[in-house]
C-alpha atoms as a PDB file:
ATOM      1  CA  UNK A   1       0.000   0.000   0.000  1.00  0.00           C
ATOM      2  CA  UNK A   2       1.394   3.393  -1.023  1.00  0.00           C
ATOM      3  CA  UNK A   3       1.982   6.092   1.566  1.00  0.00           C
ATOM      4  CA  UNK A   4       1.489   9.784   0.778  1.00  0.00           C
ATOM      5  CA  UNK A   5       2.963  12.567   2.894  1.00  0.00           C
ATOM      6  CA  UNK A   6       1.332  16.016   2.745  1.00  0.00           C
ATOM      7  CA  UNK A   7       4.052  18.353   4.025  1.00  0.00           C
ATOM      8  CA  UNK A   8       2.996  21.987   4.294  1.00  0.00           C
ATOM      9  CA  UNK A   9       4.622  24.686   6.391  1.00  0.00           C
ATOM     10  CA  UNK A  10       1.744  26.838   5.110  1.00  0.00           C
ATOM     11  CA  UNK A  11      -1.106  24.349   5.581  1.00  0.00           C
ATOM     12  CA  UNK A  12      -3.936  23.625   3.196  1.00  0.00           C
ATOM     13  CA  UNK A  13      -7.386  24.571   4.437  1.00  0.00           C
ATOM     14  CA  UNK A  14      -9.269  21.956   6.465  1.00  0.00           C
ATOM     15  CA  UNK A  15     -11.670  21.478   3.557  1.00  0.00           C
ATOM     16  CA  UNK A  16      -8.806  20.971   1.112  1.00  0.00           C
ATOM     17  CA  UNK A  17      -7.108  18.373   3.324  1.00  0.00           C
ATOM     18  CA  UNK A  18     -10.383  16.479   3.621  1.00  0.00           C
ATOM     19  CA  UNK A  19     -10.877  16.439  -0.153  1.00  0.00           C
ATOM     20  CA  UNK A  20      -7.275  15.385  -0.782  1.00  0.00           C
ATOM     21  CA  UNK A  21      -7.619  12.527   1.693  1.00  0.00           C
ATOM     22  CA  UNK A  22     -10.834  11.469  -0.008  1.00  0.00           C
ATOM     23  CA  UNK A  23      -8.962  11.021  -3.308  1.00  0.00           C
ATOM     24  CA  UNK A  24      -6.444   8.719  -1.650  1.00  0.00           C
ATOM     25  CA  UNK A  25      -9.024   6.833   0.403  1.00  0.00           C
ATOM     26  CA  UNK A  26     -10.661   5.698  -2.824  1.00  0.00           C
ATOM     27  CA  UNK A  27      -7.381   4.040  -3.853  1.00  0.00           C
ATOM     28  CA  UNK A  28      -6.511   2.698  -0.406  1.00  0.00           C
ATOM     29  CA  UNK A  29      -3.401   4.824   0.086  1.00  0.00           C
ATOM     30  CA  UNK A  30      -2.199   5.793   3.562  1.00  0.00           C
ATOM     31  CA  UNK A  31      -2.001   9.546   4.173  1.00  0.00           C
ATOM     32  CA  UNK A  32       0.116  11.415   6.714  1.00  0.00           C
ATOM     33  CA  UNK A  33      -0.088  15.189   7.239  1.00  0.00           C
ATOM     34  CA  UNK A  34       2.898  17.236   8.413  1.00  0.00           C
ATOM     35  CA  UNK A  35       1.716  20.838   8.818  1.00  0.00           C
ATOM     36  CA  UNK A  36       3.326  23.962  10.294  1.00  0.00           C
ATOM     37  CA  UNK A  37       6.477  22.011  11.119  1.00  0.00           C
ATOM     38  CA  UNK A  38       9.113  24.155  12.854  1.00  0.00           C
ATOM     39  CA  UNK A  39      12.275  22.837  11.230  1.00  0.00           C
ATOM     40  CA  UNK A  40      13.429  21.326   7.939  1.00  0.00           C
ATOM     41  CA  UNK A  41      14.642  18.286   9.865  1.00  0.00           C
ATOM     42  CA  UNK A  42      11.008  17.425  10.579  1.00  0.00           C
ATOM     43  CA  UNK A  43      10.409  16.997   6.858  1.00  0.00           C
ATOM     44  CA  UNK A  44      13.581  14.956   6.466  1.00  0.00           C
ATOM     45  CA  UNK A  45      12.380  12.597   9.169  1.00  0.00           C
ATOM     46  CA  UNK A  46       8.769  12.328   8.014  1.00  0.00           C
ATOM     47  CA  UNK A  47       9.539  11.562   4.380  1.00  0.00           C
ATOM     48  CA  UNK A  48      11.613   8.462   5.090  1.00  0.00           C
ATOM     49  CA  UNK A  49       8.920   5.887   4.193  1.00  0.00           C
ATOM     50  CA  UNK A  50       6.743   7.970   1.844  1.00  0.00           C
ATOM     51  CA  UNK A  51       6.044   6.842  -1.713  1.00  0.00           C
ATOM     52  CA  UNK A  52       4.620  10.225  -2.716  1.00  0.00           C
ATOM     53  CA  UNK A  53       4.940  13.757  -1.404  1.00  0.00           C
ATOM     54  CA  UNK A  54       2.669  16.799  -1.767  1.00  0.00           C
ATOM     55  CA  UNK A  55       4.190  20.186  -0.923  1.00  0.00           C
ATOM     56  CA  UNK A  56       3.455  23.882  -1.282  1.00  0.00           C
ATOM     57  CA  UNK A  57       6.325  26.314  -0.597  1.00  0.00           C
ATOM     58  CA  UNK A  58       8.234  23.606   1.274  1.00  0.00           C
ATOM     59  CA  UNK A  59      11.876  22.951   0.363  1.00  0.00           C
ATOM     60  CA  UNK A  60      12.653  19.583  -1.178  1.00  0.00           C
ATOM     61  CA  UNK A  61      16.437  19.605  -1.328  1.00  0.00           C
ATOM     62  CA  UNK A  62      19.006  16.854  -1.683  1.00  0.00           C
ATOM     63  CA  UNK A  63      18.835  16.020   2.038  1.00  0.00           C
ATOM     64  CA  UNK A  64      15.096  15.383   1.812  1.00  0.00           C
ATOM     65  CA  UNK A  65      15.490  13.273  -1.310  1.00  0.00           C
ATOM     66  CA  UNK A  66      18.343  11.256   0.191  1.00  0.00           C
ATOM     67  CA  UNK A  67      16.200  10.481   3.246  1.00  0.00           C
ATOM     68  CA  UNK A  68      13.200   9.442   1.150  1.00  0.00           C
ATOM     69  CA  UNK A  69      14.180   5.872   0.293  1.00  0.00           C
ATOM     70  CA  UNK A  70      10.786   4.919  -1.189  1.00  0.00           C
ATOM     71  CA  UNK A  71       9.896   8.216  -2.820  1.00  0.00           C
ATOM     72  CA  UNK A  72       8.657   8.026  -6.402  1.00  0.00           C
ATOM     73  CA  UNK A  73       6.919  11.351  -6.955  1.00  0.00           C
ATOM     74  CA  UNK A  74       6.801  14.900  -5.575  1.00  0.00           C
ATOM     75  CA  UNK A  75       3.952  17.191  -6.557  1.00  0.00           C
ATOM     76  CA  UNK A  76       4.162  20.901  -5.879  1.00  0.00           C
ATOM     77  CA  UNK A  77       0.593  22.136  -5.354  1.00  0.00           C
ATOM     78  CA  UNK A  78       1.054  25.287  -7.403  1.00  0.00           C
ATOM     79  CA  UNK A  79       2.753  26.497 -10.553  1.00  0.00           C
ATOM     80  CA  UNK A  80       6.301  27.357  -9.440  1.00  0.00           C
ATOM     81  CA  UNK A  81       8.682  24.541  -8.517  1.00  0.00           C
ATOM     82  CA  UNK A  82      11.967  26.325  -7.830  1.00  0.00           C
ATOM     83  CA  UNK A  83      11.744  25.035  -4.238  1.00  0.00           C
ATOM     84  CA  UNK A  84      12.519  21.512  -5.488  1.00  0.00           C
ATOM     85  CA  UNK A  85      16.032  20.343  -6.383  1.00  0.00           C
ATOM     86  CA  UNK A  86      15.210  18.959  -9.823  1.00  0.00           C
ATOM     87  CA  UNK A  87      18.715  17.707 -10.487  1.00  0.00           C
ATOM     88  CA  UNK A  88      18.822  15.678  -7.276  1.00  0.00           C
ATOM     89  CA  UNK A  89      15.308  14.369  -7.888  1.00  0.00           C
ATOM     90  CA  UNK A  90      16.241  13.186 -11.369  1.00  0.00           C
ATOM     91  CA  UNK A  91      19.372  11.496 -10.037  1.00  0.00           C
ATOM     92  CA  UNK A  92      17.222   9.658  -7.485  1.00  0.00           C
ATOM     93  CA  UNK A  93      14.657   8.663 -10.103  1.00  0.00           C
ATOM     94  CA  UNK A  94      11.940  10.788  -8.488  1.00  0.00           C
ATOM     95  CA  UNK A  95       9.353  12.395 -10.745  1.00  0.00           C
ATOM     96  CA  UNK A  96       8.534  16.038  -9.963  1.00  0.00           C
ATOM     97  CA  UNK A  97       5.272  17.641 -11.047  1.00  0.00           C
ATOM     98  CA  UNK A  98       3.455  20.933 -10.541  1.00  0.00           C
ATOM     99  CA  UNK A  99      -0.256  21.731 -10.822  1.00  0.00           C
ATOM    100  CA  UNK A 100      -0.379  24.508 -13.446  1.00  0.00           C
ATOM    101  CA  UNK A 101      -3.471  26.670 -13.603  1.00  0.00           C
ATOM    102  CA  UNK A 102      -4.994  25.707 -10.265  1.00  0.00           C
ATOM    103  CA  UNK A 103      -3.950  28.918  -8.457  1.00  0.00           C
ATOM    104  CA  UNK A 104      -4.180  31.201 -11.474  1.00  0.00           C
ATOM    105  CA  UNK A 105      -7.375  33.062 -10.701  1.00  0.00           C
ATOM    106  CA  UNK A 106      -6.316  33.724  -7.103  1.00  0.00           C
ATOM    107  CA  UNK A 107      -2.987  35.211  -8.237  1.00  0.00           C
ATOM    108  CA  UNK A 108      -4.594  37.325 -10.960  1.00  0.00           C
ATOM    109  CA  UNK A 109      -7.195  38.750  -8.566  1.00  0.00           C
ATOM    110  CA  UNK A 110      -4.486  39.614  -6.042  1.00  0.00           C
ATOM    111  CA  UNK A 111      -2.537  41.533  -8.700  1.00  0.00           C
ATOM    112  CA  UNK A 112      -5.537  43.748  -9.328  1.00  0.00           C
ATOM    113  CA  UNK A 113      -6.381  44.018  -5.651  1.00  0.00           C
ATOM    114  CA  UNK A 114      -2.935  45.476  -5.029  1.00  0.00           C
ATOM    115  CA  UNK A 115      -3.218  47.769  -8.051  1.00  0.00           C
ATOM    116  CA  UNK A 116      -6.512  49.242  -6.927  1.00  0.00           C
ATOM    117  CA  UNK A 117      -5.226  49.576  -3.352  1.00  0.00           C
ATOM    118  CA  UNK A 118      -2.151  51.538  -4.430  1.00  0.00           C
ATOM    119  CA  UNK A 119      -3.997  53.611  -7.039  1.00  0.00           C
ATOM    120  CA  UNK A 120      -6.481  54.725  -4.369  1.00  0.00           C
ATOM    121  CA  UNK A 121      -3.690  55.647  -1.949  1.00  0.00           C
ATOM    122  CA  UNK A 122      -4.231  52.731   0.402  1.00  0.00           C
ATOM    123  CA  UNK A 123      -7.985  53.514   0.477  1.00  0.00           C
ATOM    124  CA  UNK A 124      -7.430  56.914   2.067  1.00  0.00           C
ATOM    125  CA  UNK A 125      -9.501  59.991   1.086  1.00  0.00           C
ATOM    126  CA  UNK A 126      -6.779  61.561  -1.077  1.00  0.00           C
ATOM    127  CA  UNK A 127      -7.433  61.692  -4.829  1.00  0.00           C
ATOM    128  CA  UNK A 128      -6.233  58.548  -6.564  1.00  0.00           C
ATOM    129  CA  UNK A 129      -5.904  57.211 -10.092  1.00  0.00           C
ATOM    130  CA  UNK A 130      -8.141  55.120 -12.329  1.00  0.00           C
ATOM    131  CA  UNK A 131      -7.093  52.103 -14.405  1.00  0.00           C
ATOM    132  CA  UNK A 132      -9.557  52.653 -17.234  1.00  0.00           C
ATOM    133  CA  UNK A 133      -7.871  53.632 -20.483  1.00  0.00           C
ATOM    134  CA  UNK A 134      -4.374  52.821 -19.213  1.00  0.00           C
ATOM    135  CA  UNK A 135      -2.047  50.327 -20.896  1.00  0.00           C
ATOM    136  CA  UNK A 136      -1.239  47.058 -19.124  1.00  0.00           C
ATOM    137  CA  UNK A 137       1.637  44.863 -20.267  1.00  0.00           C
ATOM    138  CA  UNK A 138       1.559  41.194 -19.350  1.00  0.00           C
ATOM    139  CA  UNK A 139       5.062  39.711 -19.162  1.00  0.00           C
ATOM    140  CA  UNK A 140       4.455  35.984 -19.830  1.00  0.00           C
ATOM    141  CA  UNK A 141       1.055  34.926 -21.112  1.00  0.00           C
ATOM    142  CA  UNK A 142       0.470  31.679 -19.253  1.00  0.00           C
ATOM    143  CA  UNK A 143      -2.461  30.642 -17.065  1.00  0.00           C
ATOM    144  CA  UNK A 144      -2.185  33.655 -14.742  1.00  0.00           C
ATOM    145  CA  UNK A 145      -1.308  36.130 -17.467  1.00  0.00           C
ATOM    146  CA  UNK A 146      -4.345  35.188 -19.492  1.00  0.00           C
ATOM    147  CA  UNK A 147      -6.705  35.787 -16.552  1.00  0.00           C
ATOM    148  CA  UNK A 148      -4.948  39.078 -15.776  1.00  0.00           C
ATOM    149  CA  UNK A 149      -5.741  40.104 -19.336  1.00  0.00           C
ATOM    150  CA  UNK A 150      -9.415  39.216 -18.914  1.00  0.00           C
ATOM    151  CA  UNK A 151      -9.688  41.233 -15.708  1.00  0.00           C
ATOM    152  CA  UNK A 152      -7.820  44.181 -17.230  1.00  0.00           C
ATOM    153  CA  UNK A 153     -10.243  44.354 -20.117  1.00  0.00           C
ATOM    154  CA  UNK A 154     -13.066  44.413 -17.584  1.00  0.00           C
ATOM    155  CA  UNK A 155     -11.454  47.517 -16.102  1.00  0.00           C
ATOM    156  CA  UNK A 156     -11.375  49.076 -19.566  1.00  0.00           C
ATOM    157  CA  UNK A 157      -7.588  48.862 -19.904  1.00  0.00           C
ATOM    158  CA  UNK A 158      -5.689  48.407 -23.162  1.00  0.00           C
ATOM    159  CA  UNK A 159      -3.897  45.078 -22.866  1.00  0.00           C
ATOM    160  CA  UNK A 160      -0.575  43.990 -24.362  1.00  0.00           C
ATOM    161  CA  UNK A 161       1.522  40.857 -23.839  1.00  0.00           C
ATOM    162  CA  UNK A 162       4.941  39.429 -24.545  1.00  0.00           C
ATOM    163  CA  UNK A 163       5.669  35.718 -24.395  1.00  0.00           C
ATOM    164  CA  UNK A 164       8.053  34.083 -26.881  1.00  0.00           C
ATOM    165  CA  UNK A 165       6.648  30.665 -25.968  1.00  0.00           C
ATOM    166  CA  UNK A 166       3.011  31.443 -26.807  1.00  0.00           C
ATOM    167  CA  UNK A 167       1.782  31.738 -30.385  1.00  0.00           C
ATOM    168  CA  UNK A 168       0.760  35.249 -31.421  1.00  0.00           C
ATOM    169  CA  UNK A 169      -2.531  33.853 -32.723  1.00  0.00           C
ATOM    170  CA  UNK A 170      -3.476  32.596 -29.244  1.00  0.00           C
ATOM    171  CA  UNK A 171      -2.699  35.946 -27.625  1.00  0.00           C
ATOM    172  CA  UNK A 172      -4.509  38.049 -30.189  1.00  0.00           C
ATOM    173  CA  UNK A 173      -7.526  35.719 -30.224  1.00  0.00           C
ATOM    174  CA  UNK A 174      -8.072  36.913 -26.630  1.00  0.00           C
ATOM    175  CA  UNK A 175      -8.172  40.524 -27.785  1.00  0.00           C
ATOM    176  CA  UNK A 176      -4.654  41.212 -26.488  1.00  0.00           C
ATOM    177  CA  UNK A 177      -1.986  42.932 -28.584  1.00  0.00           C
ATOM    178  CA  UNK A 178       1.089  40.738 -28.964  1.00  0.00           C
ATOM    179  CA  UNK A 179       4.419  42.569 -28.708  1.00  0.00           C
ATOM    180  CA  UNK A 180       7.454  41.220 -30.540  1.00  0.00           C
ATOM    181  CA  UNK A 181      10.011  42.065 -27.882  1.00  0.00           C
ATOM    182  CA  UNK A 182      10.120  42.635 -24.138  1.00  0.00           C
ATOM    183  CA  UNK A 183      11.495  46.119 -24.794  1.00  0.00           C
ATOM    184  CA  UNK A 184       8.448  46.977 -26.906  1.00  0.00           C
ATOM    185  CA  UNK A 185       6.170  45.835 -24.089  1.00  0.00           C
ATOM    186  CA  UNK A 186       7.845  47.927 -21.397  1.00  0.00           C
ATOM    187  CA  UNK A 187       8.227  51.051 -23.517  1.00  0.00           C
ATOM    188  CA  UNK A 188       4.525  51.040 -24.355  1.00  0.00           C
ATOM    189  CA  UNK A 189       2.826  50.271 -21.017  1.00  0.00           C
ATOM    190  CA  UNK A 190       2.373  52.286 -17.811  1.00  0.00           C
ATOM    191  CA  UNK A 191       1.581  49.058 -15.966  1.00  0.00           C
ATOM    192  CA  UNK A 192       3.502  45.774 -16.167  1.00  0.00           C
ATOM    193  CA  UNK A 193       2.309  42.535 -14.541  1.00  0.00           C
ATOM    194  CA  UNK A 194       5.048  39.921 -14.113  1.00  0.00           C
ATOM    195  CA  UNK A 195       4.325  36.206 -14.514  1.00  0.00           C
ATOM    196  CA  UNK A 196       7.710  34.786 -15.494  1.00  0.00           C
ATOM    197  CA  UNK A 197       9.307  31.847 -13.648  1.00  0.00           C
ATOM    198  CA  UNK A 198      12.558  32.159 -11.729  1.00  0.00           C
ATOM    199  CA  UNK A 199      15.284  30.357 -13.652  1.00  0.00           C
ATOM    200  CA  UNK A 200      18.815  30.955 -14.912  1.00  0.00           C
ATOM    201  CA  UNK A 201      17.567  33.124 -17.773  1.00  0.00           C
ATOM    202  CA  UNK A 202      15.059  35.241 -15.825  1.00  0.00           C
ATOM    203  CA  UNK A 203      16.708  35.870 -12.443  1.00  0.00           C
ATOM    204  CA  UNK A 204      17.588  39.548 -12.227  1.00  0.00           C
ATOM    205  CA  UNK A 205      16.271  40.145 -15.742  1.00  0.00           C
ATOM    206  CA  UNK A 206      13.820  42.870 -14.695  1.00  0.00           C
ATOM    207  CA  UNK A 207      16.512  45.511 -14.367  1.00  0.00           C
ATOM    208  CA  UNK A 208      16.823  49.284 -14.422  1.00  0.00           C
ATOM    209  CA  UNK A 209      17.363  49.465 -18.170  1.00  0.00           C
ATOM    210  CA  UNK A 210      14.166  47.557 -18.861  1.00  0.00           C
ATOM    211  CA  UNK A 211      11.971  49.266 -16.273  1.00  0.00           C
ATOM    212  CA  UNK A 212      13.265  52.701 -17.243  1.00  0.00           C
ATOM    213  CA  UNK A 213      11.773  52.206 -20.723  1.00  0.00           C
ATOM    214  CA  UNK A 214       8.317  52.505 -19.179  1.00  0.00           C
ATOM    215  CA  UNK A 215       6.354  55.736 -19.760  1.00  0.00           C
ATOM    216  CA  UNK A 216       5.240  58.241 -17.109  1.00  0.00           C
ATOM    217  CA  UNK A 217       3.350  56.582 -14.254  1.00  0.00           C
ATOM    218  CA  UNK A 218       5.385  53.369 -14.472  1.00  0.00           C
ATOM    219  CA  UNK A 219       4.078  50.677 -12.132  1.00  0.00           C
ATOM    220  CA  UNK A 220       5.368  47.090 -11.892  1.00  0.00           C
ATOM    221  CA  UNK A 221       3.274  44.379 -10.225  1.00  0.00           C
ATOM    222  CA  UNK A 222       5.192  41.226  -9.294  1.00  0.00           C
ATOM    223  CA  UNK A 223       3.202  38.151  -8.269  1.00  0.00           C
ATOM    224  CA  UNK A 224       5.839  35.840  -9.757  1.00  0.00           C
ATOM    225  CA  UNK A 225       9.119  35.442  -7.857  1.00  0.00           C
ATOM    226  CA  UNK A 226      11.261  38.060  -6.117  1.00  0.00           C
ATOM    227  CA  UNK A 227      14.406  36.684  -7.767  1.00  0.00           C
ATOM    228  CA  UNK A 228      13.377  37.943 -11.212  1.00  0.00           C
ATOM    229  CA  UNK A 229      13.882  41.537 -10.001  1.00  0.00           C
ATOM    230  CA  UNK A 230      17.326  43.135 -10.065  1.00  0.00           C
ATOM    231  CA  UNK A 231      17.060  44.834  -6.678  1.00  0.00           C
ATOM    232  CA  UNK A 232      19.870  47.304  -7.320  1.00  0.00           C
ATOM    233  CA  UNK A 233      17.981  48.366 -10.432  1.00  0.00           C
ATOM    234  CA  UNK A 234      14.741  48.544  -8.462  1.00  0.00           C
ATOM    235  CA  UNK A 235      16.264  50.921  -5.905  1.00  0.00           C
ATOM    236  CA  UNK A 236      17.728  53.003  -8.722  1.00  0.00           C
ATOM    237  CA  UNK A 237      14.287  53.283 -10.351  1.00  0.00           C
ATOM    238  CA  UNK A 238      12.790  54.646  -7.139  1.00  0.00           C
ATOM    239  CA  UNK A 239      15.688  57.044  -6.692  1.00  0.00           C
ATOM    240  CA  UNK A 240      15.761  58.396 -10.243  1.00  0.00           C
ATOM    241  CA  UNK A 241      12.068  58.364 -11.161  1.00  0.00           C
ATOM    242  CA  UNK A 242       9.593  59.811  -8.696  1.00  0.00           C
ATOM    243  CA  UNK A 243       6.699  58.486 -10.803  1.00  0.00           C
ATOM    244  CA  UNK A 244       7.767  54.840 -10.387  1.00  0.00           C
ATOM    245  CA  UNK A 245       5.807  52.422  -8.178  1.00  0.00           C
ATOM    246  CA  UNK A 246       6.270  48.751  -7.282  1.00  0.00           C
ATOM    247  CA  UNK A 247       3.847  46.172  -5.875  1.00  0.00           C
ATOM    248  CA  UNK A 248       4.577  42.603  -4.895  1.00  0.00           C
ATOM    249  CA  UNK A 249       3.406  39.697  -2.770  1.00  0.00           C
ATOM    250  CA  UNK A 250       7.075  38.719  -2.400  1.00  0.00           C
ATOM    251  CA  UNK A 251       8.870  41.468  -0.534  1.00  0.00           C
ATOM    252  CA  UNK A 252      12.379  42.225  -1.858  1.00  0.00           C
ATOM    253  CA  UNK A 253      15.389  42.186   0.428  1.00  0.00           C
ATOM    254  CA  UNK A 254      15.436  45.987   0.185  1.00  0.00           C
ATOM    255  CA  UNK A 255      11.854  46.218   1.498  1.00  0.00           C
ATOM    256  CA  UNK A 256      12.667  48.289   4.590  1.00  0.00           C
ATOM    257  CA  UNK A 257      14.651  50.831   2.587  1.00  0.00           C
ATOM    258  CA  UNK A 258      11.882  51.245   0.023  1.00  0.00           C
ATOM    259  CA  UNK A 259       9.101  51.544   2.589  1.00  0.00           C
ATOM    260  CA  UNK A 260      11.053  54.092   4.623  1.00  0.00           C
ATOM    261  CA  UNK A 261      12.172  56.302   1.745  1.00  0.00           C
ATOM    262  CA  UNK A 262       9.339  55.893  -0.767  1.00  0.00           C
ATOM    263  CA  UNK A 263       6.201  55.501   1.298  1.00  0.00           C
ATOM    264  CA  UNK A 264       3.057  55.477  -0.811  1.00  0.00           C
ATOM    265  CA  UNK A 265       4.917  54.282  -3.890  1.00  0.00           C
ATOM    266  CA  UNK A 266       5.311  50.623  -2.924  1.00  0.00           C
ATOM    267  CA  UNK A 267       3.295  47.897  -1.251  1.00  0.00           C
ATOM    268  CA  UNK A 268       4.234  44.378  -0.127  1.00  0.00           C
ATOM    269  CA  UNK A 269       1.961  41.749   1.357  1.00  0.00           C
ATOM    270  CA  UNK A 270       3.118  40.267   4.696  1.00  0.00           C
ATOM    271  CA  UNK A 271       3.909  36.952   2.993  1.00  0.00           C
ATOM    272  CA  UNK A 272       3.542  35.385  -0.439  1.00  0.00           C
ATOM    273  CA  UNK A 273      -0.211  35.043  -0.708  1.00  0.00           C
ATOM    274  CA  UNK A 274      -1.100  34.804  -4.389  1.00  0.00           C
ATOM    275  CA  UNK A 275      -2.511  31.323  -3.905  1.00  0.00           C
ATOM    276  CA  UNK A 276      -3.969  31.958  -0.454  1.00  0.00           C
ATOM    277  CA  UNK A 277      -7.656  31.496  -1.181  1.00  0.00           C
ATOM    278  CA  UNK A 278      -9.970  28.681  -0.157  1.00  0.00           C
ATOM    279  CA  UNK A 279     -10.659  27.884  -3.795  1.00  0.00           C
ATOM    280  CA  UNK A 280      -6.989  27.768  -4.820  1.00  0.00           C
ATOM    281  CA  UNK A 281      -6.171  25.624  -1.770  1.00  0.00           C
ATOM    282  CA  UNK A 282      -8.814  23.123  -2.761  1.00  0.00           C
ATOM    283  CA  UNK A 283      -8.080  23.114  -6.496  1.00  0.00           C
ATOM    284  CA  UNK A 284      -4.318  22.704  -6.161  1.00  0.00           C
ATOM    285  CA  UNK A 285      -4.534  20.068  -3.427  1.00  0.00           C
ATOM    286  CA  UNK A 286      -7.034  17.888  -5.268  1.00  0.00           C
ATOM    287  CA  UNK A 287      -5.089  18.269  -8.514  1.00  0.00           C
ATOM    288  CA  UNK A 288      -1.892  17.147  -6.756  1.00  0.00           C
ATOM    289  CA  UNK A 289      -3.645  14.105  -5.288  1.00  0.00           C
ATOM    290  CA  UNK A 290      -5.206  13.156  -8.610  1.00  0.00           C
ATOM    291  CA  UNK A 291      -1.865  13.429 -10.386  1.00  0.00           C
ATOM    292  CA  UNK A 292      -0.195  11.167  -7.825  1.00  0.00           C
ATOM    293  CA  UNK A 293      -2.859   8.501  -8.269  1.00  0.00           C
ATOM    294  CA  UNK A 294      -2.628   8.732 -12.063  1.00  0.00           C
ATOM    295  CA  UNK A 295       1.136   8.393 -11.918  1.00  0.00           C
ATOM    296  CA  UNK A 296       1.301   5.513  -9.433  1.00  0.00           C
ATOM    297  CA  UNK A 297      -1.581   3.594 -11.026  1.00  0.00           C
ATOM    298  CA  UNK A 298      -1.111   4.398 -14.724  1.00  0.00           C
ATOM    299  CA  UNK A 299       2.353   5.886 -15.097  1.00  0.00           C
ATOM    300  CA  UNK A 300       0.873   9.222 -16.237  1.00  0.00           C
ATOM    301  CA  UNK A 301       3.606  11.896 -16.347  1.00  0.00           C
ATOM    302  CA  UNK A 302       1.581  14.695 -17.963  1.00  0.00           C
ATOM    303  CA  UNK A 303       2.776  17.439 -15.616  1.00  0.00           C
ATOM    304  CA  UNK A 304       6.339  16.221 -15.101  1.00  0.00           C
ATOM    305  CA  UNK A 305       8.868  19.089 -14.887  1.00  0.00           C
ATOM    306  CA  UNK A 306      12.171  17.201 -14.530  1.00  0.00           C
END
């Protein structure tokens, strides 16, 4: 009988855990839950006899994989998987998957929640700004980017996108203007919404030169990963352009400096919370469980990322 470990420093909702367990109960798998654990060593110890592992923002490094003698699959309940050592997993013969699209609506709604909050001066009485008629650039037109575009059009914004991995026909079928280069996107749009992954090519790629192409009223919204931002360039943007604003649910290392010196021009959520909705919890958890069953029972590797 297979054993599944659900290891979540940031726990799933009670409803989500119940639904995930229900998926495994139908196949007769044992389920163990490790939630809000205080130290990485707790995960190392708990994973020893697990055949499958579901995680969220939890770190699956080489030490975890070395301890997991029976482990066959790790599923990250979410889109990003930079918290998993893919090289070590591949060496150990462990399949790694994500659950793309399950958190997308939650992330997209948060991006606009932060935009409205900042544009209305933190919901204070002072005169704010409207989004209608403004240009929004979507950097990466995946699951989240596409929903961001839908919401933006509802606000009456003009929507543009750049994604070299998505066919222009798909983007323009959604009523979004496809830009041929990232420079074209930034130079055209007052607002940029980031949805790129953090990898060797993208880390630090959102730099001063790129952001400084943006027109008056430049605002960058980052619900992707903090590592994609060149923080030295970010500080320089604030220092050299008093119209520049930055929003993120992943606070940069220079957070204190920005909040102290540029109050009202930046906003950071207390923790990464793009996927922190009841619906996203449920969707991602059930998707992860279903993928594990499909893999163990049928060898299905549809969402394999390593």
